[in-house]
Full PDB file with SEQRES, HELIX, SHEET, SSBOND, CRYST1, ORIGX, SCALE, CONECT and MASTER records, all heavy atoms in Angstrom:
SEQRES   1 A   40  ALA ASP THR ASP THR VAL PRO VAL PHE THR ALA LEU GLY          
SEQRES   2 A   40  GLN TRP VAL GLY ARG ALA ALA THR PRO ASP ALA ILE GLY          
SEQRES   3 A   40  THR LEU ILE ASP THR HIS GLU ARG VAL ASN GLY GLY ASP          
SEQRES   4 A   40  GLY                                                          
HELIX    1 AA1 PRO A   22  ALA A   24  5                                   3    
HELIX    2 AA2 ILE A   25  ASN A   36  1                                  12    
SHEET    1 AA1 2 VAL A   6  PHE A   9  0                                        
SHEET    2 AA1 2 TRP A  15  ALA A  19 -1                                        
CRYST1    1.000    1.000    1.000  90.00  90.00  90.00 P 1           1          
ORIGX1      1.000000  0.000000  0.000000        0.00000                         
ORIGX2      0.000000  1.000000  0.000000        0.00000                         
ORIGX3      0.000000  0.000000  1.000000        0.00000                         
SCALE1      1.000000  0.000000  0.000000        0.00000                         
SCALE2      0.000000  1.000000  0.000000        0.00000                         
SCALE3      0.000000  0.000000  1.000000        0.00000                         
ATOM      1  N   ALA A   1      -2.316  -8.543   8.677  1.00  0.00           N  
ATOM      2  CA  ALA A   1      -3.537  -7.935   9.211  1.00  0.00           C  
ATOM      3  C   ALA A   1      -3.351  -7.401  10.632  1.00  0.00           C  
ATOM      4  O   ALA A   1      -4.121  -6.553  11.078  1.00  0.00           O  
ATOM      5  CB  ALA A   1      -4.678  -8.933   9.185  1.00  0.00           C  
ATOM      6  N   ASP A   2      -2.323  -7.856  11.335  1.00  0.00           N  
ATOM      7  CA  ASP A   2      -2.096  -7.437  12.719  1.00  0.00           C  
ATOM      8  C   ASP A   2      -1.352  -6.108  12.845  1.00  0.00           C  
ATOM      9  O   ASP A   2      -1.202  -5.601  13.949  1.00  0.00           O  
ATOM     10  CB  ASP A   2      -1.330  -8.517  13.481  1.00  0.00           C  
ATOM     11  CG  ASP A   2      -2.147  -9.789  13.633  1.00  0.00           C  
ATOM     12  OD1 ASP A   2      -3.402  -9.703  13.653  1.00  0.00           O  
ATOM     13  OD2 ASP A   2      -1.544 -10.870  13.731  1.00  0.00           O  
ATOM     14  N   THR A   3      -0.856  -5.560  11.738  1.00  0.00           N  
ATOM     15  CA  THR A   3      -0.085  -4.315  11.796  1.00  0.00           C  
ATOM     16  C   THR A   3      -0.304  -3.492  10.536  1.00  0.00           C  
ATOM     17  O   THR A   3      -0.599  -4.047   9.478  1.00  0.00           O  
ATOM     18  CB  THR A   3       1.420  -4.606  11.989  1.00  0.00           C  
ATOM     19  OG1 THR A   3       2.124  -3.369  12.070  1.00  0.00           O  
ATOM     20  CG2 THR A   3       1.996  -5.439  10.870  1.00  0.00           C  
ATOM     21  N   ASP A   4      -0.169  -2.176  10.660  1.00  0.00           N  
ATOM     22  CA  ASP A   4      -0.297  -1.289   9.506  1.00  0.00           C  
ATOM     23  C   ASP A   4       1.001  -1.158   8.733  1.00  0.00           C  
ATOM     24  O   ASP A   4       0.998  -0.795   7.565  1.00  0.00           O  
ATOM     25  CB  ASP A   4      -0.737   0.114   9.951  1.00  0.00           C  
ATOM     26  CG  ASP A   4      -2.185   0.136  10.414  1.00  0.00           C  
ATOM     27  OD1 ASP A   4      -2.974  -0.730   9.986  1.00  0.00           O  
ATOM     28  OD2 ASP A   4      -2.520   1.027  11.208  1.00  0.00           O  
ATOM     29  N   THR A   5       2.147  -1.437   9.380  1.00  0.00           N  
ATOM     30  CA  THR A   5       3.434  -1.290   8.698  1.00  0.00           C  
ATOM     31  C   THR A   5       3.607  -2.416   7.683  1.00  0.00           C  
ATOM     32  O   THR A   5       3.078  -3.512   7.839  1.00  0.00           O  
ATOM     33  CB  THR A   5       4.605  -1.288   9.684  1.00  0.00           C  
ATOM     34  OG1 THR A   5       4.639  -2.528  10.382  1.00  0.00           O  
ATOM     35  CG2 THR A   5       4.498  -0.128  10.659  1.00  0.00           C  
ATOM     36  N   VAL A   6       4.364  -2.120   6.621  1.00  0.00           N  
ATOM     37  CA  VAL A   6       4.531  -3.064   5.527  1.00  0.00           C  
ATOM     38  C   VAL A   6       6.019  -3.223   5.217  1.00  0.00           C  
ATOM     39  O   VAL A   6       6.641  -2.304   4.684  1.00  0.00           O  
ATOM     40  CB  VAL A   6       3.788  -2.578   4.263  1.00  0.00           C  
ATOM     41  CG1 VAL A   6       3.910  -3.599   3.149  1.00  0.00           C  
ATOM     42  CG2 VAL A   6       2.325  -2.274   4.568  1.00  0.00           C  
ATOM     43  N   PRO A   7       6.611  -4.380   5.547  1.00  0.00           N  
ATOM     44  CA  PRO A   7       8.005  -4.627   5.168  1.00  0.00           C  
ATOM     45  C   PRO A   7       8.130  -4.747   3.644  1.00  0.00           C  
ATOM     46  O   PRO A   7       7.267  -5.338   2.991  1.00  0.00           O  
ATOM     47  CB  PRO A   7       8.327  -5.965   5.832  1.00  0.00           C  
ATOM     48  CG  PRO A   7       7.270  -6.150   6.874  1.00  0.00           C  
ATOM     49  CD  PRO A   7       6.057  -5.446   6.363  1.00  0.00           C  
ATOM     50  N   VAL A   8       9.218  -4.195   3.106  1.00  0.00           N  
ATOM     51  CA  VAL A   8       9.441  -4.212   1.662  1.00  0.00           C  
ATOM     52  C   VAL A   8      10.852  -4.729   1.390  1.00  0.00           C  
ATOM     53  O   VAL A   8      11.816  -4.288   2.006  1.00  0.00           O  
ATOM     54  CB  VAL A   8       9.269  -2.794   1.059  1.00  0.00           C  
ATOM     55  CG1 VAL A   8       9.518  -2.815  -0.441  1.00  0.00           C  
ATOM     56  CG2 VAL A   8       7.894  -2.229   1.382  1.00  0.00           C  
ATOM     57  N   PHE A   9      10.948  -5.677   0.463  1.00  0.00           N  
ATOM     58  CA  PHE A   9      12.213  -6.278   0.034  1.00  0.00           C  
ATOM     59  C   PHE A   9      12.283  -6.224  -1.482  1.00  0.00           C  
ATOM     60  O   PHE A   9      11.261  -6.143  -2.149  1.00  0.00           O  
ATOM     61  CB  PHE A   9      12.278  -7.758   0.436  1.00  0.00           C  
ATOM     62  CG  PHE A   9      12.175  -8.016   1.898  1.00  0.00           C  
ATOM     63  CD1 PHE A   9      10.944  -8.120   2.524  1.00  0.00           C  
ATOM     64  CD2 PHE A   9      13.316  -8.160   2.660  1.00  0.00           C  
ATOM     65  CE1 PHE A   9      10.852  -8.361   3.886  1.00  0.00           C  
ATOM     66  CE2 PHE A   9      13.237  -8.403   4.017  1.00  0.00           C  
ATOM     67  CZ  PHE A   9      11.996  -8.506   4.628  1.00  0.00           C  
ATOM     68  N   THR A  10      13.490  -6.318  -2.032  1.00  0.00           N  
ATOM     69  CA  THR A  10      13.602  -6.528  -3.469  1.00  0.00           C  
ATOM     70  C   THR A  10      13.268  -7.990  -3.729  1.00  0.00           C  
ATOM     71  O   THR A  10      13.294  -8.821  -2.822  1.00  0.00           O  
ATOM     72  CB  THR A  10      15.018  -6.235  -4.005  1.00  0.00           C  
ATOM     73  OG1 THR A  10      15.925  -7.203  -3.486  1.00  0.00           O  
ATOM     74  CG2 THR A  10      15.469  -4.829  -3.673  1.00  0.00           C  
ATOM     75  N   ALA A  11      12.971  -8.315  -4.972  1.00  0.00           N  
ATOM     76  CA  ALA A  11      12.682  -9.709  -5.334  1.00  0.00           C  
ATOM     77  C   ALA A  11      13.889 -10.608  -5.088  1.00  0.00           C  
ATOM     78  O   ALA A  11      13.745 -11.815  -4.907  1.00  0.00           O  
ATOM     79  CB  ALA A  11      12.236  -9.795  -6.786  1.00  0.00           C  
ATOM     80  N   LEU A  12      15.085 -10.010  -5.036  1.00  0.00           N  
ATOM     81  CA  LEU A  12      16.309 -10.772  -4.751  1.00  0.00           C  
ATOM     82  C   LEU A  12      16.567 -10.924  -3.259  1.00  0.00           C  
ATOM     83  O   LEU A  12      17.542 -11.537  -2.850  1.00  0.00           O  
ATOM     84  CB  LEU A  12      17.508 -10.098  -5.417  1.00  0.00           C  
ATOM     85  CG  LEU A  12      17.448 -10.015  -6.942  1.00  0.00           C  
ATOM     86  CD1 LEU A  12      18.638  -9.226  -7.480  1.00  0.00           C  
ATOM     87  CD2 LEU A  12      17.406 -11.404  -7.549  1.00  0.00           C  
ATOM     88  N   GLY A  13      15.694 -10.336  -2.419  1.00  0.00           N  
ATOM     89  CA  GLY A  13      15.802 -10.507  -0.978  1.00  0.00           C  
ATOM     90  C   GLY A  13      16.486  -9.388  -0.223  1.00  0.00           C  
ATOM     91  O   GLY A  13      16.642  -9.470   0.987  1.00  0.00           O  
ATOM     92  N   GLN A  14      16.887  -8.307  -0.886  1.00  0.00           N  
ATOM     93  CA  GLN A  14      17.535  -7.180  -0.199  1.00  0.00           C  
ATOM     94  C   GLN A  14      16.481  -6.365   0.553  1.00  0.00           C  
ATOM     95  O   GLN A  14      15.429  -6.038   0.014  1.00  0.00           O  
ATOM     96  CB  GLN A  14      18.243  -6.285  -1.206  1.00  0.00           C  
ATOM     97  CG  GLN A  14      18.896  -5.068  -0.576  1.00  0.00           C  
ATOM     98  CD  GLN A  14      19.445  -4.099  -1.616  1.00  0.00           C  
ATOM     99  OE1 GLN A  14      19.205  -4.233  -2.814  1.00  0.00           O  
ATOM    100  NE2 GLN A  14      20.182  -3.118  -1.159  1.00  0.00           N  
ATOM    101  N   TRP A  15      16.770  -6.062   1.814  1.00  0.00           N  
ATOM    102  CA  TRP A  15      15.883  -5.245   2.629  1.00  0.00           C  
ATOM    103  C   TRP A  15      15.796  -3.841   2.053  1.00  0.00           C  
ATOM    104  O   TRP A  15      16.817  -3.214   1.773  1.00  0.00           O  
ATOM    105  CB  TRP A  15      16.407  -5.204   4.061  1.00  0.00           C  
ATOM    106  CG  TRP A  15      15.681  -4.286   4.971  1.00  0.00           C  
ATOM    107  CD1 TRP A  15      16.144  -3.119   5.491  1.00  0.00           C  
ATOM    108  CD2 TRP A  15      14.362  -4.452   5.497  1.00  0.00           C  
ATOM    109  NE1 TRP A  15      15.190  -2.549   6.315  1.00  0.00           N  
ATOM    110  CE2 TRP A  15      14.082  -3.359   6.331  1.00  0.00           C  
ATOM    111  CE3 TRP A  15      13.378  -5.423   5.332  1.00  0.00           C  
ATOM    112  CZ2 TRP A  15      12.869  -3.214   7.004  1.00  0.00           C  
ATOM    113  CZ3 TRP A  15      12.172  -5.275   6.005  1.00  0.00           C  
ATOM    114  CH2 TRP A  15      11.940  -4.175   6.829  1.00  0.00           C  
ATOM    115  N   VAL A  16      14.590  -3.335   1.869  1.00  0.00           N  
ATOM    116  CA  VAL A  16      14.371  -1.975   1.393  1.00  0.00           C  
ATOM    117  C   VAL A  16      13.966  -1.084   2.558  1.00  0.00           C  
ATOM    118  O   VAL A  16      14.476   0.005   2.735  1.00  0.00           O  
ATOM    119  CB  VAL A  16      13.297  -1.946   0.282  1.00  0.00           C  
ATOM    120  CG1 VAL A  16      12.939  -0.520  -0.103  1.00  0.00           C  
ATOM    121  CG2 VAL A  16      13.777  -2.730  -0.931  1.00  0.00           C  
ATOM    122  N   GLY A  17      13.028  -1.560   3.356  1.00  0.00           N  
ATOM    123  CA  GLY A  17      12.579  -0.785   4.502  1.00  0.00           C  
ATOM    124  C   GLY A  17      11.178  -1.169   4.903  1.00  0.00           C  
ATOM    125  O   GLY A  17      10.585  -2.098   4.370  1.00  0.00           O  
ATOM    126  N   ARG A  18      10.639  -0.416   5.836  1.00  0.00           N  
ATOM    127  CA  ARG A  18       9.293  -0.675   6.339  1.00  0.00           C  
ATOM    128  C   ARG A  18       8.445   0.562   6.070  1.00  0.00           C  
ATOM    129  O   ARG A  18       8.716   1.632   6.595  1.00  0.00           O  
ATOM    130  CB  ARG A  18       9.358  -0.976   7.836  1.00  0.00           C  
ATOM    131  CG  ARG A  18       8.042  -1.409   8.433  1.00  0.00           C  
ATOM    132  CD  ARG A  18       8.199  -1.807   9.890  1.00  0.00           C  
ATOM    133  NE  ARG A  18       9.177  -2.840  10.122  1.00  0.00           N  
ATOM    134  CZ  ARG A  18       8.918  -4.156  10.101  1.00  0.00           C  
ATOM    135  NH1 ARG A  18       7.712  -4.575   9.864  1.00  0.00           N  
ATOM    136  NH2 ARG A  18       9.881  -5.023  10.337  1.00  0.00           N  
ATOM    137  N   ALA A  19       7.424   0.387   5.242  1.00  0.00           N  
ATOM    138  CA  ALA A  19       6.494   1.484   4.961  1.00  0.00           C  
ATOM    139  C   ALA A  19       5.561   1.636   6.165  1.00  0.00           C  
ATOM    140  O   ALA A  19       5.060   0.652   6.703  1.00  0.00           O  
ATOM    141  CB  ALA A  19       5.692   1.184   3.700  1.00  0.00           C  
ATOM    142  N   ALA A  20       5.335   2.861   6.587  1.00  0.00           N  
ATOM    143  CA  ALA A  20       4.501   3.113   7.762  1.00  0.00           C  
ATOM    144  C   ALA A  20       3.052   2.693   7.532  1.00  0.00           C  
ATOM    145  O   ALA A  20       2.378   2.270   8.464  1.00  0.00           O  
ATOM    146  CB  ALA A  20       4.569   4.584   8.139  1.00  0.00           C  
ATOM    147  N   THR A  21       2.593   2.799   6.296  1.00  0.00           N  
ATOM    148  CA  THR A  21       1.234   2.393   5.918  1.00  0.00           C  
ATOM    149  C   THR A  21       1.298   1.823   4.503  1.00  0.00           C  
ATOM    150  O   THR A  21       2.269   2.076   3.775  1.00  0.00           O  
ATOM    151  CB  THR A  21       0.262   3.590   5.907  1.00  0.00           C  
ATOM    152  OG1 THR A  21       0.654   4.485   4.869  1.00  0.00           O  
ATOM    153  CG2 THR A  21       0.225   4.310   7.257  1.00  0.00           C  
ATOM    154  N   PRO A  22       0.280   1.094   4.083  1.00  0.00           N  
ATOM    155  CA  PRO A  22       0.272   0.616   2.701  1.00  0.00           C  
ATOM    156  C   PRO A  22       0.356   1.751   1.674  1.00  0.00           C  
ATOM    157  O   PRO A  22       0.937   1.578   0.606  1.00  0.00           O  
ATOM    158  CB  PRO A  22      -1.058  -0.136   2.597  1.00  0.00           C  
ATOM    159  CG  PRO A  22      -1.298  -0.637   3.988  1.00  0.00           C  
ATOM    160  CD  PRO A  22      -0.802   0.493   4.874  1.00  0.00           C  
ATOM    161  N   ASP A  23      -0.192   2.910   1.999  1.00  0.00           N  
ATOM    162  CA  ASP A  23      -0.130   4.056   1.083  1.00  0.00           C  
ATOM    163  C   ASP A  23       1.291   4.570   0.877  1.00  0.00           C  
ATOM    164  O   ASP A  23       1.562   5.267  -0.100  1.00  0.00           O  
ATOM    165  CB  ASP A  23      -1.000   5.203   1.592  1.00  0.00           C  
ATOM    166  CG  ASP A  23      -2.481   4.867   1.555  1.00  0.00           C  
ATOM    167  OD1 ASP A  23      -2.882   4.010   0.743  1.00  0.00           O  
ATOM    168  OD2 ASP A  23      -3.231   5.474   2.338  1.00  0.00           O  
ATOM    169  N   ALA A  24       2.209   4.253   1.777  1.00  0.00           N  
ATOM    170  CA  ALA A  24       3.588   4.749   1.705  1.00  0.00           C  
ATOM    171  C   ALA A  24       4.531   3.809   0.951  1.00  0.00           C  
ATOM    172  O   ALA A  24       5.711   4.124   0.789  1.00  0.00           O  
ATOM    173  CB  ALA A  24       4.118   4.995   3.115  1.00  0.00           C  
ATOM    174  N   ILE A  25       4.032   2.680   0.457  1.00  0.00           N  
ATOM    175  CA  ILE A  25       4.889   1.715  -0.240  1.00  0.00           C  
ATOM    176  C   ILE A  25       5.545   2.344  -1.463  1.00  0.00           C  
ATOM    177  O   ILE A  25       6.748   2.211  -1.678  1.00  0.00           O  
ATOM    178  CB  ILE A  25       4.086   0.464  -0.649  1.00  0.00           C  
ATOM    179  CG1 ILE A  25       3.632  -0.297   0.595  1.00  0.00           C  
ATOM    180  CG2 ILE A  25       4.911  -0.441  -1.560  1.00  0.00           C  
ATOM    181  CD1 ILE A  25       2.608  -1.382   0.303  1.00  0.00           C  
ATOM    182  N   GLY A  26       4.770   3.034  -2.282  1.00  0.00           N  
ATOM    183  CA  GLY A  26       5.308   3.654  -3.498  1.00  0.00           C  
ATOM    184  C   GLY A  26       6.417   4.646  -3.208  1.00  0.00           C  
ATOM    185  O   GLY A  26       7.438   4.663  -3.901  1.00  0.00           O  
ATOM    186  N   THR A  27       6.241   5.442  -2.185  1.00  0.00           N  
ATOM    187  CA  THR A  27       7.261   6.421  -1.806  1.00  0.00           C  
ATOM    188  C   THR A  27       8.535   5.726  -1.360  1.00  0.00           C  
ATOM    189  O   THR A  27       9.641   6.125  -1.739  1.00  0.00           O  
ATOM    190  CB  THR A  27       6.730   7.335  -0.677  1.00  0.00           C  
ATOM    191  OG1 THR A  27       5.548   7.978  -1.144  1.00  0.00           O  
ATOM    192  CG2 THR A  27       7.769   8.369  -0.274  1.00  0.00           C  
ATOM    193  N   LEU A  28       8.400   4.666  -0.576  1.00  0.00           N  
ATOM    194  CA  LEU A  28       9.569   3.916  -0.109  1.00  0.00           C  
ATOM    195  C   LEU A  28      10.324   3.296  -1.281  1.00  0.00           C  
ATOM    196  O   LEU A  28      11.554   3.392  -1.364  1.00  0.00           O  
ATOM    197  CB  LEU A  28       9.133   2.829   0.875  1.00  0.00           C  
ATOM    198  CG  LEU A  28      10.233   1.984   1.484  1.00  0.00           C  
ATOM    199  CD1 LEU A  28      11.166   2.824   2.349  1.00  0.00           C  
ATOM    200  CD2 LEU A  28       9.629   0.861   2.317  1.00  0.00           C  
ATOM    201  N   ILE A  29       9.604   2.711  -2.223  1.00  0.00           N  
ATOM    202  CA  ILE A  29      10.244   2.107  -3.400  1.00  0.00           C  
ATOM    203  C   ILE A  29      10.906   3.179  -4.261  1.00  0.00           C  
ATOM    204  O   ILE A  29      12.037   3.004  -4.719  1.00  0.00           O  
ATOM    205  CB  ILE A  29       9.225   1.279  -4.205  1.00  0.00           C  
ATOM    206  CG1 ILE A  29       8.847   0.023  -3.412  1.00  0.00           C  
ATOM    207  CG2 ILE A  29       9.783   0.909  -5.574  1.00  0.00           C  
ATOM    208  CD1 ILE A  29       7.714  -0.787  -4.015  1.00  0.00           C  
ATOM    209  N   ASP A  30      10.224   4.303  -4.490  1.00  0.00           N  
ATOM    210  CA  ASP A  30      10.814   5.392  -5.281  1.00  0.00           C  
ATOM    211  C   ASP A  30      12.107   5.897  -4.651  1.00  0.00           C  
ATOM    212  O   ASP A  30      13.112   6.116  -5.348  1.00  0.00           O  
ATOM    213  CB  ASP A  30       9.835   6.559  -5.412  1.00  0.00           C  
ATOM    214  CG  ASP A  30       8.667   6.255  -6.335  1.00  0.00           C  
ATOM    215  OD1 ASP A  30       8.749   5.287  -7.120  1.00  0.00           O  
ATOM    216  OD2 ASP A  30       7.671   7.005  -6.258  1.00  0.00           O  
ATOM    217  N   THR A  31      12.107   6.074  -3.347  1.00  0.00           N  
ATOM    218  CA  THR A  31      13.305   6.525  -2.632  1.00  0.00           C  
ATOM    219  C   THR A  31      14.423   5.507  -2.780  1.00  0.00           C  
ATOM    220  O   THR A  31      15.574   5.862  -3.056  1.00  0.00           O  
ATOM    221  CB  THR A  31      12.995   6.769  -1.148  1.00  0.00           C  
ATOM    222  OG1 THR A  31      11.964   7.754  -1.064  1.00  0.00           O  
ATOM    223  CG2 THR A  31      14.226   7.227  -0.397  1.00  0.00           C  
ATOM    224  N   HIS A  32      14.104   4.241  -2.612  1.00  0.00           N  
ATOM    225  CA  HIS A  32      15.113   3.181  -2.745  1.00  0.00           C  
ATOM    226  C   HIS A  32      15.734   3.185  -4.138  1.00  0.00           C  
ATOM    227  O   HIS A  32      16.945   3.067  -4.288  1.00  0.00           O  
ATOM    228  CB  HIS A  32      14.484   1.814  -2.440  1.00  0.00           C  
ATOM    229  CG  HIS A  32      15.441   0.688  -2.555  1.00  0.00           C  
ATOM    230  ND1 HIS A  32      15.559  -0.071  -3.693  1.00  0.00           N  
ATOM    231  CD2 HIS A  32      16.336   0.190  -1.673  1.00  0.00           C  
ATOM    232  CE1 HIS A  32      16.491  -0.988  -3.503  1.00  0.00           C  
ATOM    233  NE2 HIS A  32      16.978  -0.844  -2.287  1.00  0.00           N  
ATOM    234  N   GLU A  33      14.913   3.346  -5.163  1.00  0.00           N  
ATOM    235  CA  GLU A  33      15.436   3.348  -6.537  1.00  0.00           C  
ATOM    236  C   GLU A  33      16.314   4.569  -6.813  1.00  0.00           C  
ATOM    237  O   GLU A  33      17.307   4.473  -7.509  1.00  0.00           O  
ATOM    238  CB  GLU A  33      14.295   3.241  -7.535  1.00  0.00           C  
ATOM    239  CG  GLU A  33      13.692   1.856  -7.529  1.00  0.00           C  
ATOM    240  CD  GLU A  33      12.673   1.637  -8.608  1.00  0.00           C  
ATOM    241  OE1 GLU A  33      12.254   2.605  -9.275  1.00  0.00           O  
ATOM    242  OE2 GLU A  33      12.286   0.482  -8.797  1.00  0.00           O  
ATOM    243  N   ARG A  34      15.950   5.733  -6.263  1.00  0.00           N  
ATOM    244  CA  ARG A  34      16.784   6.920  -6.458  1.00  0.00           C  
ATOM    245  C   ARG A  34      18.136   6.765  -5.780  1.00  0.00           C  
ATOM    246  O   ARG A  34      19.163   7.160  -6.331  1.00  0.00           O  
ATOM    247  CB  ARG A  34      16.068   8.162  -5.922  1.00  0.00           C  
ATOM    248  CG  ARG A  34      15.064   8.746  -6.868  1.00  0.00           C  
ATOM    249  CD  ARG A  34      14.663  10.153  -6.473  1.00  0.00           C  
ATOM    250  NE  ARG A  34      14.235  10.273  -5.106  1.00  0.00           N  
ATOM    251  CZ  ARG A  34      12.982  10.097  -4.667  1.00  0.00           C  
ATOM    252  NH1 ARG A  34      12.050   9.777  -5.504  1.00  0.00           N  
ATOM    253  NH2 ARG A  34      12.686  10.242  -3.392  1.00  0.00           N  
ATOM    254  N   VAL A  35      18.142   6.163  -4.603  1.00  0.00           N  
ATOM    255  CA  VAL A  35      19.379   6.023  -3.834  1.00  0.00           C  
ATOM    256  C   VAL A  35      20.245   4.878  -4.361  1.00  0.00           C  
ATOM    257  O   VAL A  35      21.459   4.990  -4.432  1.00  0.00           O  
ATOM    258  CB  VAL A  35      19.063   5.819  -2.327  1.00  0.00           C  
ATOM    259  CG1 VAL A  35      20.308   5.459  -1.537  1.00  0.00           C  
ATOM    260  CG2 VAL A  35      18.403   7.048  -1.742  1.00  0.00           C  
ATOM    261  N   ASN A  36      19.603   3.771  -4.734  1.00  0.00           N  
ATOM    262  CA  ASN A  36      20.344   2.555  -5.081  1.00  0.00           C  
ATOM    263  C   ASN A  36      20.295   2.181  -6.554  1.00  0.00           C  
ATOM    264  O   ASN A  36      20.864   1.160  -6.940  1.00  0.00           O  
ATOM    265  CB  ASN A  36      19.792   1.382  -4.256  1.00  0.00           C  
ATOM    266  CG  ASN A  36      20.020   1.599  -2.784  1.00  0.00           C  
ATOM    267  OD1 ASN A  36      21.136   1.656  -2.335  1.00  0.00           O  
ATOM    268  ND2 ASN A  36      18.945   1.743  -2.038  1.00  0.00           N  
ATOM    269  N   GLY A  37      19.596   2.927  -7.365  1.00  0.00           N  
ATOM    270  CA  GLY A  37      19.543   2.626  -8.786  1.00  0.00           C  
ATOM    271  C   GLY A  37      18.674   1.433  -9.123  1.00  0.00           C  
ATOM    272  O   GLY A  37      18.917   0.757 -10.104  1.00  0.00           O  
ATOM    273  N   GLY A  38      17.673   1.105  -8.319  1.00  0.00           N  
ATOM    274  CA  GLY A  38      16.782  -0.007  -8.598  1.00  0.00           C  
ATOM    275  C   GLY A  38      17.297  -1.311  -8.053  1.00  0.00           C  
ATOM    276  O   GLY A  38      18.149  -1.356  -7.178  1.00  0.00           O  
ATOM    277  N   ASP A  39      16.788  -2.406  -8.613  1.00  0.00           N  
ATOM    278  CA  ASP A  39      17.077  -3.753  -8.085  1.00  0.00           C  
ATOM    279  C   ASP A  39      18.288  -4.380  -8.744  1.00  0.00           C  
ATOM    280  O   ASP A  39      18.715  -5.455  -8.365  1.00  0.00           O  
ATOM    281  CB  ASP A  39      15.851  -4.649  -8.280  1.00  0.00           C  
ATOM    282  CG  ASP A  39      15.944  -5.940  -7.513  1.00  0.00           C  
ATOM    283  OD1 ASP A  39      16.604  -5.950  -6.457  1.00  0.00           O  
ATOM    284  OD2 ASP A  39      15.372  -6.946  -7.959  1.00  0.00           O  
ATOM    285  N   GLY A  40      18.835  -3.768  -9.772  1.00  0.00           N  
ATOM    286  CA  GLY A  40      19.908  -4.388 -10.509  1.00  0.00           C  
ATOM    287  C   GLY A  40      21.191  -4.184  -9.878  1.00  0.00           C  
ATOM    288  O   GLY A  40      22.166  -4.732  -9.732  1.00  0.00           O  
TER     289      GLY A  40                                                      
MASTER        0    0    0    2    2    0    0    6  288    1    0    4          
END                                                                             
């Protein structure tokens, strides 16, 4: 609640990045999957 940024990790604990706003989470995850092939 103290910040608008949203840290994002894979369920296995790999750092994905920090979304600038909650609305940007989907874009960050989509980018991560295109670059890294998902969580597997």
